[in-house]
Amino acid sequence: MATSTEGTPAQAGSANRAPSGVAEPQADTPLAAGSGGGVPAAPTKPPLGAETLEWRLTALERNLERLEATQLDRHSRTMTHLFSCVAILLTGVAVVTALVASSSKTELRTDLHEATAYMETRVDRSLSDMQKKFESLAGEALKKPSVLVFCSSLGPLSGQTFDALPGGILSMGGLLAKNVGDKKTDSISARLLSTVSLTARWGDWEPSHATEPGYPFAYSLASLKPGISPGDSATLDPDFTLQFNSQIPRGSSTGAVVKLKVFYGGEKPTEVTFQVNAPK
């Protein structure tokens, strides 16, 4: 019943067309092996969806390429933004550091200038104080006391010649010592030396050992007198009266020679020498 099974050519072509996307089989189909040459072999179909798979693979590759390009572009942008941020941050840090360094330098210079000025002021003040102290000490070191000895009724004694009254008495009034220097004296002591034996009446005198050549008779003031300030005077004996116990040699060159030495703390004591002649 070959005539009924074949149908029309259009129906045959419609029945034998491959689905969309599947390749149609070849017209000449080989015979199946071992069929005796009379049975045709089953047609070999291409893999289902091969073109679709290829197309999908191609599309996937393109999508992957786009994705990689997009990821690379994102990474590039991210790195660009990151480097930009880092550069801005470093620039800001550099600016802040420069400002801080400049401010620190300015403050350091100001502090150094103030410290230098302060030290210079301290040094100048110290030098000025030291100079004043040195001048004061030097002035004090150069100051010295100087004592002038005189009698209230006869004036200065040094180099004077006096005549004794009858009985070998010489009343000289108060014996005074005046500090004509610029420094206070130490405690005052006195020593009286004579070539003729005598007695210091009504005074605080006492005999002492004679040690100076030419003056066999010596007397000392028994008590010390307080120190004398510059310009002041002190009384050593309120009534300095001498009474010679032996006869005074007569003649201007052979009278009794008396030496008075006053010790006051100076390098040398004050010495006054005067002569007492016999009564006329």
Foldseek 3Di string as FASTA:
>chain_A
DVVVVCPDPVVNVVVQDDPPPWDGFDPDFDADPPPVRPHGDDTDTDPPCPVVVVVVVVVVVVVVVVVVVVVVVVVVVVVVVVVVVVVVVVVVVVVVVVVVVVVVVVVVVVVVVVVVVVVVVVVVVVVVVVVVVVVVVVVVVPWDWDKFKAAPQGGGFAAAEAEAAPQQKDKRFWIKIATQTQAKWAWKWKKKFKLFAKDFPPAQKDWDCDDDPNTRTMIIRPDIHHIHHHGDMDTRTRIGMMGGPDFADADPVRGMKMKMWMDTHGPGTDIGIYGYHYHD
